[in-house]
C-alpha atoms as a PDB file:
ATOM      1  CA  UNK A   1      11.115 -19.482 -18.911  1.00  0.00           C
ATOM      2  CA  UNK A   2      10.768 -18.210 -15.359  1.00  0.00           C
ATOM      3  CA  UNK A   3       7.387 -18.186 -13.728  1.00  0.00           C
ATOM      4  CA  UNK A   4       5.664 -14.940 -12.745  1.00  0.00           C
ATOM      5  CA  UNK A   5       6.221 -15.413  -8.996  1.00  0.00           C
ATOM      6  CA  UNK A   6       9.982 -15.693  -9.536  1.00  0.00           C
ATOM      7  CA  UNK A   7      10.015 -12.404 -11.452  1.00  0.00           C
ATOM      8  CA  UNK A   8       8.002 -10.685  -8.718  1.00  0.00           C
ATOM      9  CA  UNK A   9      10.413 -11.857  -6.027  1.00  0.00           C
ATOM     10  CA  UNK A  10      13.433 -10.581  -7.909  1.00  0.00           C
ATOM     11  CA  UNK A  11      11.961  -7.160  -8.597  1.00  0.00           C
ATOM     12  CA  UNK A  12      10.544  -6.694  -5.090  1.00  0.00           C
ATOM     13  CA  UNK A  13      11.839  -3.650  -3.229  1.00  0.00           C
ATOM     14  CA  UNK A  14      12.348  -3.560   0.514  1.00  0.00           C
ATOM     15  CA  UNK A  15      12.884  -0.462   2.643  1.00  0.00           C
ATOM     16  CA  UNK A  16      16.133  -0.483   4.607  1.00  0.00           C
ATOM     17  CA  UNK A  17      16.240   0.681   8.215  1.00  0.00           C
ATOM     18  CA  UNK A  18      17.367   4.262   8.720  1.00  0.00           C
ATOM     19  CA  UNK A  19      20.752   4.921  10.305  1.00  0.00           C
ATOM     20  CA  UNK A  20      19.358   7.952  12.149  1.00  0.00           C
ATOM     21  CA  UNK A  21      15.892   9.377  12.667  1.00  0.00           C
ATOM     22  CA  UNK A  22      16.646  12.270  10.309  1.00  0.00           C
ATOM     23  CA  UNK A  23      18.069  10.213   7.455  1.00  0.00           C
ATOM     24  CA  UNK A  24      15.981   9.385   4.407  1.00  0.00           C
ATOM     25  CA  UNK A  25      14.564   5.910   3.897  1.00  0.00           C
ATOM     26  CA  UNK A  26      16.332   3.920   1.184  1.00  0.00           C
ATOM     27  CA  UNK A  27      14.978   0.924  -0.651  1.00  0.00           C
ATOM     28  CA  UNK A  28      16.800  -1.979  -2.232  1.00  0.00           C
ATOM     29  CA  UNK A  29      15.790  -4.691  -4.691  1.00  0.00           C
ATOM     30  CA  UNK A  30      16.425  -8.315  -3.804  1.00  0.00           C
ATOM     31  CA  UNK A  31      18.892  -8.844  -6.652  1.00  0.00           C
ATOM     32  CA  UNK A  32      20.913  -5.819  -5.500  1.00  0.00           C
ATOM     33  CA  UNK A  33      20.861  -7.151  -1.952  1.00  0.00           C
ATOM     34  CA  UNK A  34      22.062 -10.537  -3.180  1.00  0.00           C
ATOM     35  CA  UNK A  35      24.854  -8.863  -5.147  1.00  0.00           C
ATOM     36  CA  UNK A  36      25.947  -6.916  -2.042  1.00  0.00           C
ATOM     37  CA  UNK A  37      25.886 -10.134  -0.015  1.00  0.00           C
ATOM     38  CA  UNK A  38      27.971 -11.970  -2.621  1.00  0.00           C
ATOM     39  CA  UNK A  39      30.536  -9.216  -3.199  1.00  0.00           C
ATOM     40  CA  UNK A  40      30.973  -7.646   0.240  1.00  0.00           C
ATOM     41  CA  UNK A  41      30.285 -10.772   2.292  1.00  0.00           C
ATOM     42  CA  UNK A  42      27.882  -8.743   4.433  1.00  0.00           C
ATOM     43  CA  UNK A  43      25.459 -11.177   5.968  1.00  0.00           C
ATOM     44  CA  UNK A  44      23.207  -9.123   8.265  1.00  0.00           C
ATOM     45  CA  UNK A  45      20.806  -6.514   6.928  1.00  0.00           C
ATOM     46  CA  UNK A  46      18.284  -4.376   8.801  1.00  0.00           C
ATOM     47  CA  UNK A  47      14.930  -3.332   7.355  1.00  0.00           C
ATOM     48  CA  UNK A  48      12.243  -0.846   8.314  1.00  0.00           C
ATOM     49  CA  UNK A  49       9.075  -2.066  10.024  1.00  0.00           C
ATOM     50  CA  UNK A  50       7.084  -0.513   7.167  1.00  0.00           C
ATOM     51  CA  UNK A  51       7.872  -3.590   5.069  1.00  0.00           C
ATOM     52  CA  UNK A  52       5.108  -6.168   5.034  1.00  0.00           C
ATOM     53  CA  UNK A  53       5.988  -9.266   7.050  1.00  0.00           C
ATOM     54  CA  UNK A  54       4.906 -11.352   4.064  1.00  0.00           C
ATOM     55  CA  UNK A  55       7.454  -9.543   1.865  1.00  0.00           C
ATOM     56  CA  UNK A  56      10.191 -10.188   4.405  1.00  0.00           C
ATOM     57  CA  UNK A  57       9.332 -13.896   4.352  1.00  0.00           C
ATOM     58  CA  UNK A  58       9.543 -13.793   0.552  1.00  0.00           C
ATOM     59  CA  UNK A  59      13.047 -12.350   0.899  1.00  0.00           C
ATOM     60  CA  UNK A  60      13.999 -15.304   3.117  1.00  0.00           C
ATOM     61  CA  UNK A  61      12.626 -17.698   0.478  1.00  0.00           C
ATOM     62  CA  UNK A  62      14.550 -15.824  -2.229  1.00  0.00           C
ATOM     63  CA  UNK A  63      17.879 -16.469  -0.487  1.00  0.00           C
ATOM     64  CA  UNK A  64      16.958 -20.077   0.259  1.00  0.00           C
ATOM     65  CA  UNK A  65      16.269 -20.600  -3.452  1.00  0.00           C
ATOM     66  CA  UNK A  66      19.763 -19.227  -4.141  1.00  0.00           C
ATOM     67  CA  UNK A  67      21.199 -21.972  -1.922  1.00  0.00           C
ATOM     68  CA  UNK A  68      21.771 -20.004   1.287  1.00  0.00           C
ATOM     69  CA  UNK A  69      20.304 -20.252   4.759  1.00  0.00           C
ATOM     70  CA  UNK A  70      18.405 -17.146   5.841  1.00  0.00           C
ATOM     71  CA  UNK A  71      16.864 -16.172   9.171  1.00  0.00           C
ATOM     72  CA  UNK A  72      14.404 -13.385   9.881  1.00  0.00           C
ATOM     73  CA  UNK A  73      14.095 -11.829  13.325  1.00  0.00           C
ATOM     74  CA  UNK A  74      12.388  -8.803  14.807  1.00  0.00           C
ATOM     75  CA  UNK A  75      14.740  -6.642  16.848  1.00  0.00           C
ATOM     76  CA  UNK A  76      12.872  -4.627  19.489  1.00  0.00           C
ATOM     77  CA  UNK A  77      14.271  -1.139  20.085  1.00  0.00           C
ATOM     78  CA  UNK A  78      11.897  -0.191  22.924  1.00  0.00           C
ATOM     79  CA  UNK A  79       9.041  -1.613  24.950  1.00  0.00           C
ATOM     80  CA  UNK A  80       6.513  -0.390  22.382  1.00  0.00           C
ATOM     81  CA  UNK A  81       5.453  -3.192  20.023  1.00  0.00           C
ATOM     82  CA  UNK A  82       5.658  -0.851  17.033  1.00  0.00           C
ATOM     83  CA  UNK A  83       9.322  -0.009  17.642  1.00  0.00           C
ATOM     84  CA  UNK A  84      11.228  -2.800  15.955  1.00  0.00           C
ATOM     85  CA  UNK A  85      13.442  -3.538  12.977  1.00  0.00           C
ATOM     86  CA  UNK A  86      13.563  -6.607  10.789  1.00  0.00           C
ATOM     87  CA  UNK A  87      16.927  -8.351  10.855  1.00  0.00           C
ATOM     88  CA  UNK A  88      17.754 -10.620   7.920  1.00  0.00           C
ATOM     89  CA  UNK A  89      20.757 -12.869   8.523  1.00  0.00           C
ATOM     90  CA  UNK A  90      22.072 -14.749   5.495  1.00  0.00           C
ATOM     91  CA  UNK A  91      24.566 -17.609   5.767  1.00  0.00           C
END
């Protein structure tokens, strides 16, 4: 039987970065993200800064538990500290 933390990680939703300022924010669950990574071989995903940093680190741990290497970076889009995106790179 899986422990409670494992279930929380799998059902956690993260908000993806918007493609444009006018587009709606979309969220994705970790299992769906893993499926997209496995099927499409996409390895870089961008997330909104509204996600908690702790949740982003949990996403990195999730992919490491699946046997992959994952890196989390903050991509600055201006000189303002609040203007950034999370970049999750999975290998």
